Full PDB file with SEQRES, HELIX, SHEET, SSBOND, CRYST1, ORIGX, SCALE, CONECT and MASTER records, all heavy atoms in Angstrom:
SEQRES   1 A   39  THR VAL ARG LEU PRO ASP ASP LEU VAL ARG SER VAL ASP          
SEQRES   2 A   39  GLY LEU VAL ALA SER GLY ASP ALA ARG SER ARG ALA SER          
SEQRES   3 A   39  VAL VAL GLU LEU ALA LEU GLU ARG HIS LEU ARG ARG VAL          
HELIX    1 AA1 ASP A    6  ALA A   17  1                                  12    
HELIX    2 AA2 ARG A   24  ARG A   38  1                                  15    
CRYST1    1.000    1.000    1.000  90.00  90.00  90.00 P 1           1          
ORIGX1      1.000000  0.000000  0.000000        0.00000                         
ORIGX2      0.000000  1.000000  0.000000        0.00000                         
ORIGX3      0.000000  0.000000  1.000000        0.00000                         
SCALE1      1.000000  0.000000  0.000000        0.00000                         
SCALE2      0.000000  1.000000  0.000000        0.00000                         
SCALE3      0.000000  0.000000  1.000000        0.00000                         
ATOM      1  N   THR A   1    -122.596 -27.027  -8.715  1.00  0.00           N  
ATOM      2  CA  THR A   1    -123.900 -27.296  -9.333  1.00  0.00           C  
ATOM      3  C   THR A   1    -124.866 -26.196  -8.865  1.00  0.00           C  
ATOM      4  O   THR A   1    -124.933 -25.875  -7.693  1.00  0.00           O  
ATOM      5  CB  THR A   1    -124.424 -28.653  -8.891  1.00  0.00           C  
ATOM      6  OG1 THR A   1    -123.515 -29.624  -9.270  1.00  0.00           O  
ATOM      7  CG2 THR A   1    -125.760 -28.944  -9.528  1.00  0.00           C  
ATOM      8  N   VAL A   2    -125.568 -25.624  -9.788  1.00  0.00           N  
ATOM      9  CA  VAL A   2    -126.564 -24.589  -9.482  1.00  0.00           C  
ATOM     10  C   VAL A   2    -127.903 -24.935 -10.154  1.00  0.00           C  
ATOM     11  O   VAL A   2    -127.928 -25.556 -11.212  1.00  0.00           O  
ATOM     12  CB  VAL A   2    -126.146 -23.180  -9.921  1.00  0.00           C  
ATOM     13  CG1 VAL A   2    -124.898 -22.776  -9.120  1.00  0.00           C  
ATOM     14  CG2 VAL A   2    -125.896 -23.089 -11.365  1.00  0.00           C  
ATOM     15  N   ARG A   3    -128.957 -24.486  -9.537  1.00  0.00           N  
ATOM     16  CA  ARG A   3    -130.292 -24.673 -10.164  1.00  0.00           C  
ATOM     17  C   ARG A   3    -130.742 -23.280 -10.674  1.00  0.00           C  
ATOM     18  O   ARG A   3    -130.685 -22.293  -9.923  1.00  0.00           O  
ATOM     19  CB  ARG A   3    -131.314 -25.205  -9.175  1.00  0.00           C  
ATOM     20  CG  ARG A   3    -131.046 -26.623  -8.830  1.00  0.00           C  
ATOM     21  CD  ARG A   3    -132.242 -27.200  -8.054  1.00  0.00           C  
ATOM     22  NE  ARG A   3    -132.006 -28.600  -7.728  1.00  0.00           N  
ATOM     23  CZ  ARG A   3    -132.261 -29.608  -8.575  1.00  0.00           C  
ATOM     24  NH1 ARG A   3    -132.775 -29.377  -9.772  1.00  0.00           N  
ATOM     25  NH2 ARG A   3    -132.043 -30.826  -8.197  1.00  0.00           N  
ATOM     26  N   LEU A   4    -131.169 -23.236 -11.913  1.00  0.00           N  
ATOM     27  CA  LEU A   4    -131.591 -21.955 -12.523  1.00  0.00           C  
ATOM     28  C   LEU A   4    -132.986 -22.170 -13.090  1.00  0.00           C  
ATOM     29  O   LEU A   4    -133.348 -23.246 -13.547  1.00  0.00           O  
ATOM     30  CB  LEU A   4    -130.653 -21.521 -13.587  1.00  0.00           C  
ATOM     31  CG  LEU A   4    -129.211 -21.300 -13.188  1.00  0.00           C  
ATOM     32  CD1 LEU A   4    -128.314 -21.050 -14.419  1.00  0.00           C  
ATOM     33  CD2 LEU A   4    -129.129 -20.109 -12.254  1.00  0.00           C  
ATOM     34  N   PRO A   5    -133.793 -21.070 -13.154  1.00  0.00           N  
ATOM     35  CA  PRO A   5    -135.135 -21.182 -13.726  1.00  0.00           C  
ATOM     36  C   PRO A   5    -134.951 -21.565 -15.209  1.00  0.00           C  
ATOM     37  O   PRO A   5    -134.014 -21.213 -15.892  1.00  0.00           O  
ATOM     38  CB  PRO A   5    -135.686 -19.759 -13.630  1.00  0.00           C  
ATOM     39  CG  PRO A   5    -134.876 -19.117 -12.512  1.00  0.00           C  
ATOM     40  CD  PRO A   5    -133.520 -19.772 -12.532  1.00  0.00           C  
ATOM     41  N   ASP A   6    -135.973 -22.299 -15.727  1.00  0.00           N  
ATOM     42  CA  ASP A   6    -135.945 -22.781 -17.120  1.00  0.00           C  
ATOM     43  C   ASP A   6    -135.759 -21.654 -18.095  1.00  0.00           C  
ATOM     44  O   ASP A   6    -135.020 -21.789 -19.098  1.00  0.00           O  
ATOM     45  CB  ASP A   6    -137.193 -23.569 -17.428  1.00  0.00           C  
ATOM     46  CG  ASP A   6    -137.288 -24.902 -16.698  1.00  0.00           C  
ATOM     47  OD1 ASP A   6    -136.240 -25.383 -16.244  1.00  0.00           O  
ATOM     48  OD2 ASP A   6    -138.423 -25.457 -16.551  1.00  0.00           O  
ATOM     49  N   ASP A   7    -136.439 -20.515 -17.918  1.00  0.00           N  
ATOM     50  CA  ASP A   7    -136.336 -19.429 -18.880  1.00  0.00           C  
ATOM     51  C   ASP A   7    -134.954 -18.837 -18.896  1.00  0.00           C  
ATOM     52  O   ASP A   7    -134.419 -18.486 -19.960  1.00  0.00           O  
ATOM     53  CB  ASP A   7    -137.404 -18.362 -18.607  1.00  0.00           C  
ATOM     54  CG  ASP A   7    -137.279 -17.723 -17.204  1.00  0.00           C  
ATOM     55  OD1 ASP A   7    -136.835 -18.424 -16.289  1.00  0.00           O  
ATOM     56  OD2 ASP A   7    -137.622 -16.555 -17.093  1.00  0.00           O  
ATOM     57  N   LEU A   8    -134.285 -18.804 -17.762  1.00  0.00           N  
ATOM     58  CA  LEU A   8    -132.894 -18.316 -17.730  1.00  0.00           C  
ATOM     59  C   LEU A   8    -131.942 -19.271 -18.457  1.00  0.00           C  
ATOM     60  O   LEU A   8    -131.070 -18.866 -19.222  1.00  0.00           O  
ATOM     61  CB  LEU A   8    -132.466 -18.136 -16.263  1.00  0.00           C  
ATOM     62  CG  LEU A   8    -131.147 -17.387 -16.007  1.00  0.00           C  
ATOM     63  CD1 LEU A   8    -131.146 -15.987 -16.672  1.00  0.00           C  
ATOM     64  CD2 LEU A   8    -130.914 -17.269 -14.557  1.00  0.00           C  
ATOM     65  N   VAL A   9    -132.156 -20.584 -18.291  1.00  0.00           N  
ATOM     66  CA  VAL A   9    -131.371 -21.558 -18.969  1.00  0.00           C  
ATOM     67  C   VAL A   9    -131.571 -21.463 -20.457  1.00  0.00           C  
ATOM     68  O   VAL A   9    -130.619 -21.570 -21.263  1.00  0.00           O  
ATOM     69  CB  VAL A   9    -131.653 -22.992 -18.464  1.00  0.00           C  
ATOM     70  CG1 VAL A   9    -130.900 -24.028 -19.313  1.00  0.00           C  
ATOM     71  CG2 VAL A   9    -131.226 -23.124 -16.979  1.00  0.00           C  
ATOM     72  N   ARG A  10    -132.802 -21.266 -20.891  1.00  0.00           N  
ATOM     73  CA  ARG A  10    -133.071 -21.102 -22.317  1.00  0.00           C  
ATOM     74  C   ARG A  10    -132.333 -19.892 -22.898  1.00  0.00           C  
ATOM     75  O   ARG A  10    -131.772 -19.949 -23.974  1.00  0.00           O  
ATOM     76  CB  ARG A  10    -134.554 -20.962 -22.562  1.00  0.00           C  
ATOM     77  CG  ARG A  10    -135.298 -22.343 -22.583  1.00  0.00           C  
ATOM     78  CD  ARG A  10    -136.719 -22.188 -23.096  1.00  0.00           C  
ATOM     79  NE  ARG A  10    -137.575 -21.374 -22.230  1.00  0.00           N  
ATOM     80  CZ  ARG A  10    -138.221 -21.821 -21.166  1.00  0.00           C  
ATOM     81  NH1 ARG A  10    -138.175 -23.088 -20.831  1.00  0.00           N  
ATOM     82  NH2 ARG A  10    -138.994 -21.021 -20.446  1.00  0.00           N  
ATOM     83  N   SER A  11    -132.297 -18.802 -22.121  1.00  0.00           N  
ATOM     84  CA  SER A  11    -131.579 -17.661 -22.567  1.00  0.00           C  
ATOM     85  C   SER A  11    -130.081 -17.887 -22.713  1.00  0.00           C  
ATOM     86  O   SER A  11    -129.445 -17.489 -23.669  1.00  0.00           O  
ATOM     87  CB  SER A  11    -131.828 -16.477 -21.617  1.00  0.00           C  
ATOM     88  OG  SER A  11    -133.179 -16.072 -21.617  1.00  0.00           O  
ATOM     89  N   VAL A  12    -129.549 -18.594 -21.692  1.00  0.00           N  
ATOM     90  CA  VAL A  12    -128.133 -18.892 -21.760  1.00  0.00           C  
ATOM     91  C   VAL A  12    -127.833 -19.843 -22.912  1.00  0.00           C  
ATOM     92  O   VAL A  12    -126.876 -19.649 -23.683  1.00  0.00           O  
ATOM     93  CB  VAL A  12    -127.718 -19.577 -20.406  1.00  0.00           C  
ATOM     94  CG1 VAL A  12    -126.294 -20.178 -20.540  1.00  0.00           C  
ATOM     95  CG2 VAL A  12    -127.782 -18.588 -19.257  1.00  0.00           C  
ATOM     96  N   ASP A  13    -128.667 -20.826 -23.112  1.00  0.00           N  
ATOM     97  CA  ASP A  13    -128.495 -21.731 -24.274  1.00  0.00           C  
ATOM     98  C   ASP A  13    -128.570 -20.998 -25.583  1.00  0.00           C  
ATOM     99  O   ASP A  13    -127.902 -21.326 -26.548  1.00  0.00           O  
ATOM    100  CB  ASP A  13    -129.529 -22.862 -24.209  1.00  0.00           C  
ATOM    101  CG  ASP A  13    -129.223 -23.852 -23.107  1.00  0.00           C  
ATOM    102  OD1 ASP A  13    -128.093 -23.859 -22.576  1.00  0.00           O  
ATOM    103  OD2 ASP A  13    -130.107 -24.695 -22.779  1.00  0.00           O  
ATOM    104  N   GLY A  14    -129.423 -19.984 -25.634  1.00  0.00           N  
ATOM    105  CA  GLY A  14    -129.531 -19.187 -26.861  1.00  0.00           C  
ATOM    106  C   GLY A  14    -128.250 -18.404 -27.169  1.00  0.00           C  
ATOM    107  O   GLY A  14    -127.810 -18.341 -28.311  1.00  0.00           O  
ATOM    108  N   LEU A  15    -127.573 -17.926 -26.112  1.00  0.00           N  
ATOM    109  CA  LEU A  15    -126.293 -17.242 -26.298  1.00  0.00           C  
ATOM    110  C   LEU A  15    -125.274 -18.197 -26.810  1.00  0.00           C  
ATOM    111  O   LEU A  15    -124.468 -17.876 -27.705  1.00  0.00           O  
ATOM    112  CB  LEU A  15    -125.840 -16.650 -24.997  1.00  0.00           C  
ATOM    113  CG  LEU A  15    -126.650 -15.456 -24.424  1.00  0.00           C  
ATOM    114  CD1 LEU A  15    -126.174 -15.093 -23.025  1.00  0.00           C  
ATOM    115  CD2 LEU A  15    -126.483 -14.273 -25.351  1.00  0.00           C  
ATOM    116  N   VAL A  16    -125.260 -19.429 -26.314  1.00  0.00           N  
ATOM    117  CA  VAL A  16    -124.285 -20.428 -26.746  1.00  0.00           C  
ATOM    118  C   VAL A  16    -124.598 -20.829 -28.208  1.00  0.00           C  
ATOM    119  O   VAL A  16    -123.691 -20.903 -29.034  1.00  0.00           O  
ATOM    120  CB  VAL A  16    -124.289 -21.645 -25.808  1.00  0.00           C  
ATOM    121  CG1 VAL A  16    -123.399 -22.768 -26.352  1.00  0.00           C  
ATOM    122  CG2 VAL A  16    -123.860 -21.229 -24.386  1.00  0.00           C  
ATOM    123  N   ALA A  17    -125.862 -21.094 -28.495  1.00  0.00           N  
ATOM    124  CA  ALA A  17    -126.262 -21.500 -29.821  1.00  0.00           C  
ATOM    125  C   ALA A  17    -125.922 -20.480 -30.878  1.00  0.00           C  
ATOM    126  O   ALA A  17    -125.556 -20.786 -32.001  1.00  0.00           O  
ATOM    127  CB  ALA A  17    -127.733 -21.876 -29.860  1.00  0.00           C  
ATOM    128  N   SER A  18    -126.066 -19.193 -30.532  1.00  0.00           N  
ATOM    129  CA  SER A  18    -125.811 -18.120 -31.487  1.00  0.00           C  
ATOM    130  C   SER A  18    -124.330 -17.811 -31.649  1.00  0.00           C  
ATOM    131  O   SER A  18    -123.911 -17.053 -32.483  1.00  0.00           O  
ATOM    132  CB  SER A  18    -126.543 -16.858 -31.080  1.00  0.00           C  
ATOM    133  OG  SER A  18    -125.970 -16.281 -29.859  1.00  0.00           O  
ATOM    134  N   GLY A  19    -123.526 -18.413 -30.782  1.00  0.00           N  
ATOM    135  CA  GLY A  19    -122.027 -18.122 -30.809  1.00  0.00           C  
ATOM    136  C   GLY A  19    -121.619 -16.984 -30.038  1.00  0.00           C  
ATOM    137  O   GLY A  19    -120.460 -16.589 -30.016  1.00  0.00           O  
ATOM    138  N   ASP A  20    -122.545 -16.341 -29.319  1.00  0.00           N  
ATOM    139  CA  ASP A  20    -122.220 -15.207 -28.474  1.00  0.00           C  
ATOM    140  C   ASP A  20    -121.504 -15.608 -27.156  1.00  0.00           C  
ATOM    141  O   ASP A  20    -120.993 -14.758 -26.467  1.00  0.00           O  
ATOM    142  CB  ASP A  20    -123.467 -14.398 -28.131  1.00  0.00           C  
ATOM    143  CG  ASP A  20    -123.998 -13.648 -29.356  1.00  0.00           C  
ATOM    144  OD1 ASP A  20    -123.178 -13.297 -30.248  1.00  0.00           O  
ATOM    145  OD2 ASP A  20    -125.201 -13.433 -29.453  1.00  0.00           O  
ATOM    146  N   ALA A  21    -121.539 -16.910 -26.851  1.00  0.00           N  
ATOM    147  CA  ALA A  21    -120.876 -17.443 -25.670  1.00  0.00           C  
ATOM    148  C   ALA A  21    -120.288 -18.811 -26.014  1.00  0.00           C  
ATOM    149  O   ALA A  21    -120.861 -19.533 -26.829  1.00  0.00           O  
ATOM    150  CB  ALA A  21    -121.808 -17.514 -24.502  1.00  0.00           C  
ATOM    151  N   ARG A  22    -119.179 -19.152 -25.373  1.00  0.00           N  
ATOM    152  CA  ARG A  22    -118.535 -20.439 -25.607  1.00  0.00           C  
ATOM    153  C   ARG A  22    -119.301 -21.584 -24.999  1.00  0.00           C  
ATOM    154  O   ARG A  22    -119.380 -22.691 -25.553  1.00  0.00           O  
ATOM    155  CB  ARG A  22    -117.120 -20.459 -25.013  1.00  0.00           C  
ATOM    156  CG  ARG A  22    -116.106 -19.564 -25.688  1.00  0.00           C  
ATOM    157  CD  ARG A  22    -114.709 -19.808 -25.119  1.00  0.00           C  
ATOM    158  NE  ARG A  22    -114.726 -20.207 -23.728  1.00  0.00           N  
ATOM    159  CZ  ARG A  22    -114.452 -19.428 -22.677  1.00  0.00           C  
ATOM    160  NH1 ARG A  22    -114.167 -18.156 -22.873  1.00  0.00           N  
ATOM    161  NH2 ARG A  22    -114.468 -19.879 -21.461  1.00  0.00           N  
ATOM    162  N   SER A  23    -119.862 -21.368 -23.788  1.00  0.00           N  
ATOM    163  CA  SER A  23    -120.529 -22.424 -23.049  1.00  0.00           C  
ATOM    164  C   SER A  23    -121.422 -21.843 -21.986  1.00  0.00           C  
ATOM    165  O   SER A  23    -121.357 -20.633 -21.696  1.00  0.00           O  
ATOM    166  CB  SER A  23    -119.478 -23.311 -22.394  1.00  0.00           C  
ATOM    167  OG  SER A  23    -118.814 -22.564 -21.466  1.00  0.00           O  
ATOM    168  N   ARG A  24    -122.278 -22.682 -21.402  1.00  0.00           N  
ATOM    169  CA  ARG A  24    -123.083 -22.264 -20.295  1.00  0.00           C  
ATOM    170  C   ARG A  24    -122.184 -21.733 -19.180  1.00  0.00           C  
ATOM    171  O   ARG A  24    -122.451 -20.724 -18.572  1.00  0.00           O  
ATOM    172  CB  ARG A  24    -123.919 -23.408 -19.769  1.00  0.00           C  
ATOM    173  CG  ARG A  24    -125.109 -23.814 -20.611  1.00  0.00           C  
ATOM    174  CD  ARG A  24    -125.719 -25.048 -20.064  1.00  0.00           C  
ATOM    175  NE  ARG A  24    -127.047 -25.269 -20.622  1.00  0.00           N  
ATOM    176  CZ  ARG A  24    -127.773 -26.350 -20.342  1.00  0.00           C  
ATOM    177  NH1 ARG A  24    -127.315 -27.236 -19.479  1.00  0.00           N  
ATOM    178  NH2 ARG A  24    -128.980 -26.497 -20.914  1.00  0.00           N  
ATOM    179  N   ALA A  25    -121.124 -22.493 -18.946  1.00  0.00           N  
ATOM    180  CA  ALA A  25    -120.204 -22.127 -17.801  1.00  0.00           C  
ATOM    181  C   ALA A  25    -119.609 -20.745 -18.025  1.00  0.00           C  
ATOM    182  O   ALA A  25    -119.457 -19.978 -17.111  1.00  0.00           O  
ATOM    183  CB  ALA A  25    -119.096 -23.192 -17.692  1.00  0.00           C  
ATOM    184  N   SER A  26    -119.262 -20.436 -19.277  1.00  0.00           N  
ATOM    185  CA  SER A  26    -118.633 -19.121 -19.540  1.00  0.00           C  
ATOM    186  C   SER A  26    -119.628 -17.997 -19.278  1.00  0.00           C  
ATOM    187  O   SER A  26    -119.230 -16.924 -18.814  1.00  0.00           O  
ATOM    188  CB  SER A  26    -118.055 -19.029 -20.990  1.00  0.00           C  
ATOM    189  OG  SER A  26    -119.060 -19.074 -21.916  1.00  0.00           O  
ATOM    190  N   VAL A  27    -120.896 -18.227 -19.608  1.00  0.00           N  
ATOM    191  CA  VAL A  27    -121.936 -17.215 -19.365  1.00  0.00           C  
ATOM    192  C   VAL A  27    -122.058 -16.949 -17.856  1.00  0.00           C  
ATOM    193  O   VAL A  27    -122.092 -15.839 -17.369  1.00  0.00           O  
ATOM    194  CB  VAL A  27    -123.267 -17.606 -19.963  1.00  0.00           C  
ATOM    195  CG1 VAL A  27    -124.369 -16.646 -19.583  1.00  0.00           C  
ATOM    196  CG2 VAL A  27    -123.185 -17.736 -21.495  1.00  0.00           C  
ATOM    197  N   VAL A  28    -122.156 -18.053 -17.106  1.00  0.00           N  
ATOM    198  CA  VAL A  28    -122.302 -17.961 -15.627  1.00  0.00           C  
ATOM    199  C   VAL A  28    -121.026 -17.284 -15.032  1.00  0.00           C  
ATOM    200  O   VAL A  28    -121.174 -16.408 -14.193  1.00  0.00           O  
ATOM    201  CB  VAL A  28    -122.521 -19.359 -14.999  1.00  0.00           C  
ATOM    202  CG1 VAL A  28    -122.496 -19.272 -13.493  1.00  0.00           C  
ATOM    203  CG2 VAL A  28    -123.859 -19.884 -15.483  1.00  0.00           C  
ATOM    204  N   GLU A  29    -119.852 -17.680 -15.496  1.00  0.00           N  
ATOM    205  CA  GLU A  29    -118.638 -17.105 -15.020  1.00  0.00           C  
ATOM    206  C   GLU A  29    -118.590 -15.606 -15.251  1.00  0.00           C  
ATOM    207  O   GLU A  29    -118.258 -14.801 -14.346  1.00  0.00           O  
ATOM    208  CB  GLU A  29    -117.403 -17.787 -15.618  1.00  0.00           C  
ATOM    209  CG  GLU A  29    -116.117 -17.240 -15.134  1.00  0.00           C  
ATOM    210  CD  GLU A  29    -114.891 -17.958 -15.805  1.00  0.00           C  
ATOM    211  OE1 GLU A  29    -115.089 -18.852 -16.669  1.00  0.00           O  
ATOM    212  OE2 GLU A  29    -113.747 -17.630 -15.440  1.00  0.00           O  
ATOM    213  N   LEU A  30    -118.910 -15.173 -16.469  1.00  0.00           N  
ATOM    214  CA  LEU A  30    -118.910 -13.774 -16.803  1.00  0.00           C  
ATOM    215  C   LEU A  30    -119.920 -13.002 -15.957  1.00  0.00           C  
ATOM    216  O   LEU A  30    -119.631 -11.914 -15.452  1.00  0.00           O  
ATOM    217  CB  LEU A  30    -119.192 -13.587 -18.278  1.00  0.00           C  
ATOM    218  CG  LEU A  30    -119.236 -12.165 -18.798  1.00  0.00           C  
ATOM    219  CD1 LEU A  30    -117.874 -11.464 -18.577  1.00  0.00           C  
ATOM    220  CD2 LEU A  30    -119.601 -12.138 -20.300  1.00  0.00           C  
ATOM    221  N   ALA A  31    -121.091 -13.551 -15.809  1.00  0.00           N  
ATOM    222  CA  ALA A  31    -122.130 -12.867 -14.978  1.00  0.00           C  
ATOM    223  C   ALA A  31    -121.678 -12.699 -13.519  1.00  0.00           C  
ATOM    224  O   ALA A  31    -121.874 -11.634 -12.924  1.00  0.00           O  
ATOM    225  CB  ALA A  31    -123.415 -13.661 -15.031  1.00  0.00           C  
ATOM    226  N   LEU A  32    -121.055 -13.757 -12.983  1.00  0.00           N  
ATOM    227  CA  LEU A  32    -120.576 -13.677 -11.581  1.00  0.00           C  
ATOM    228  C   LEU A  32    -119.452 -12.628 -11.476  1.00  0.00           C  
ATOM    229  O   LEU A  32    -119.430 -11.837 -10.513  1.00  0.00           O  
ATOM    230  CB  LEU A  32    -120.067 -15.021 -11.126  1.00  0.00           C  
ATOM    231  CG  LEU A  32    -121.153 -16.033 -10.797  1.00  0.00           C  
ATOM    232  CD1 LEU A  32    -120.517 -17.415 -10.543  1.00  0.00           C  
ATOM    233  CD2 LEU A  32    -121.975 -15.568  -9.575  1.00  0.00           C  
ATOM    234  N   GLU A  33    -118.517 -12.621 -12.427  1.00  0.00           N  
ATOM    235  CA  GLU A  33    -117.444 -11.637 -12.391  1.00  0.00           C  
ATOM    236  C   GLU A  33    -117.945 -10.239 -12.436  1.00  0.00           C  
ATOM    237  O   GLU A  33    -117.535  -9.393 -11.661  1.00  0.00           O  
ATOM    238  CB  GLU A  33    -116.444 -11.874 -13.499  1.00  0.00           C  
ATOM    239  CG  GLU A  33    -115.587 -13.099 -13.364  1.00  0.00           C  
ATOM    240  CD  GLU A  33    -114.768 -13.440 -14.556  1.00  0.00           C  
ATOM    241  OE1 GLU A  33    -115.013 -12.887 -15.632  1.00  0.00           O  
ATOM    242  OE2 GLU A  33    -113.861 -14.315 -14.441  1.00  0.00           O  
ATOM    243  N   ARG A  34    -118.956 -10.008 -13.312  1.00  0.00           N  
ATOM    244  CA  ARG A  34    -119.557  -8.660 -13.443  1.00  0.00           C  
ATOM    245  C   ARG A  34    -120.243  -8.275 -12.139  1.00  0.00           C  
ATOM    246  O   ARG A  34    -120.132  -7.164 -11.696  1.00  0.00           O  
ATOM    247  CB  ARG A  34    -120.514  -8.574 -14.609  1.00  0.00           C  
ATOM    248  CG  ARG A  34    -119.785  -8.570 -15.945  1.00  0.00           C  
ATOM    249  CD  ARG A  34    -120.753  -8.477 -17.060  1.00  0.00           C  
ATOM    250  NE  ARG A  34    -120.026  -8.395 -18.334  1.00  0.00           N  
ATOM    251  CZ  ARG A  34    -120.621  -8.452 -19.533  1.00  0.00           C  
ATOM    252  NH1 ARG A  34    -121.929  -8.675 -19.619  1.00  0.00           N  
ATOM    253  NH2 ARG A  34    -119.899  -8.367 -20.606  1.00  0.00           N  
ATOM    254  N   HIS A  35    -120.980  -9.208 -11.567  1.00  0.00           N  
ATOM    255  CA  HIS A  35    -121.691  -8.919 -10.351  1.00  0.00           C  
ATOM    256  C   HIS A  35    -120.711  -8.607  -9.209  1.00  0.00           C  
ATOM    257  O   HIS A  35    -120.911  -7.641  -8.474  1.00  0.00           O  
ATOM    258  CB  HIS A  35    -122.579 -10.112  -9.966  1.00  0.00           C  
ATOM    259  CG  HIS A  35    -123.246  -9.926  -8.629  1.00  0.00           C  
ATOM    260  ND1 HIS A  35    -124.322  -9.015  -8.491  1.00  0.00           N  
ATOM    261  CD2 HIS A  35    -123.034 -10.415  -7.394  1.00  0.00           C  
ATOM    262  CE1 HIS A  35    -124.707  -9.027  -7.256  1.00  0.00           C  
ATOM    263  NE2 HIS A  35    -123.958  -9.860  -6.577  1.00  0.00           N  
ATOM    264  N   LEU A  36    -119.621  -9.366  -9.074  1.00  0.00           N  
ATOM    265  CA  LEU A  36    -118.698  -9.121  -8.033  1.00  0.00           C  
ATOM    266  C   LEU A  36    -117.956  -7.768  -8.195  1.00  0.00           C  
ATOM    267  O   LEU A  36    -117.737  -7.065  -7.247  1.00  0.00           O  
ATOM    268  CB  LEU A  36    -117.682 -10.265  -7.944  1.00  0.00           C  
ATOM    269  CG  LEU A  36    -118.269 -11.581  -7.496  1.00  0.00           C  
ATOM    270  CD1 LEU A  36    -117.230 -12.698  -7.587  1.00  0.00           C  
ATOM    271  CD2 LEU A  36    -118.844 -11.508  -6.087  1.00  0.00           C  
ATOM    272  N   ARG A  37    -117.655  -7.425  -9.448  1.00  0.00           N  
ATOM    273  CA  ARG A  37    -117.050  -6.085  -9.693  1.00  0.00           C  
ATOM    274  C   ARG A  37    -118.007  -5.020  -9.333  1.00  0.00           C  
ATOM    275  O   ARG A  37    -117.615  -3.972  -8.727  1.00  0.00           O  
ATOM    276  CB  ARG A  37    -116.659  -5.985 -11.212  1.00  0.00           C  
ATOM    277  CG  ARG A  37    -115.338  -6.626 -11.538  1.00  0.00           C  
ATOM    278  CD  ARG A  37    -114.790  -6.175 -12.870  1.00  0.00           C  
ATOM    279  NE  ARG A  37    -115.720  -6.336 -13.935  1.00  0.00           N  
ATOM    280  CZ  ARG A  37    -115.808  -7.455 -14.714  1.00  0.00           C  
ATOM    281  NH1 ARG A  37    -115.040  -8.498 -14.512  1.00  0.00           N  
ATOM    282  NH2 ARG A  37    -116.716  -7.516 -15.696  1.00  0.00           N  
ATOM    283  N   ARG A  38    -119.287  -5.210  -9.613  1.00  0.00           N  
ATOM    284  CA  ARG A  38    -120.308  -4.192  -9.268  1.00  0.00           C  
ATOM    285  C   ARG A  38    -120.428  -4.023  -7.750  1.00  0.00           C  
ATOM    286  O   ARG A  38    -120.511  -2.923  -7.216  1.00  0.00           O  
ATOM    287  CB  ARG A  38    -121.654  -4.546  -9.852  1.00  0.00           C  
ATOM    288  CG  ARG A  38    -122.723  -3.500  -9.493  1.00  0.00           C  
ATOM    289  CD  ARG A  38    -124.055  -3.901 -10.092  1.00  0.00           C  
ATOM    290  NE  ARG A  38    -125.016  -2.890  -9.658  1.00  0.00           N  
ATOM    291  CZ  ARG A  38    -126.091  -2.632 -10.291  1.00  0.00           C  
ATOM    292  NH1 ARG A  38    -126.382  -3.230 -11.406  1.00  0.00           N  
ATOM    293  NH2 ARG A  38    -126.934  -1.722  -9.794  1.00  0.00           N  
ATOM    294  N   VAL A  39    -120.431  -5.185  -7.030  1.00  0.00           N  
ATOM    295  CA  VAL A  39    -120.474  -5.090  -5.535  1.00  0.00           C  
ATOM    296  C   VAL A  39    -119.294  -4.333  -5.028  1.00  0.00           C  
ATOM    297  O   VAL A  39    -119.463  -3.473  -4.150  1.00  0.00           O  
ATOM    298  CB  VAL A  39    -120.555  -6.507  -4.983  1.00  0.00           C  
ATOM    299  CG1 VAL A  39    -120.331  -6.532  -3.461  1.00  0.00           C  
ATOM    300  CG2 VAL A  39    -121.908  -7.170  -5.299  1.00  0.00           C  
TER     301      VAL A  39                                                      
MASTER        0    0    0    2    0    0    0    6  300    1    0    3          
END                                                                             
């Protein structure tokens, strides 16, 4: 469970609604993977 700012959640929901992402979880997973690769 994570807490995110409302504007960030709206952006994530927009990606899901537009079909650019499967789910909120997939957006978070992809973002974490990218961040870890960058580190």
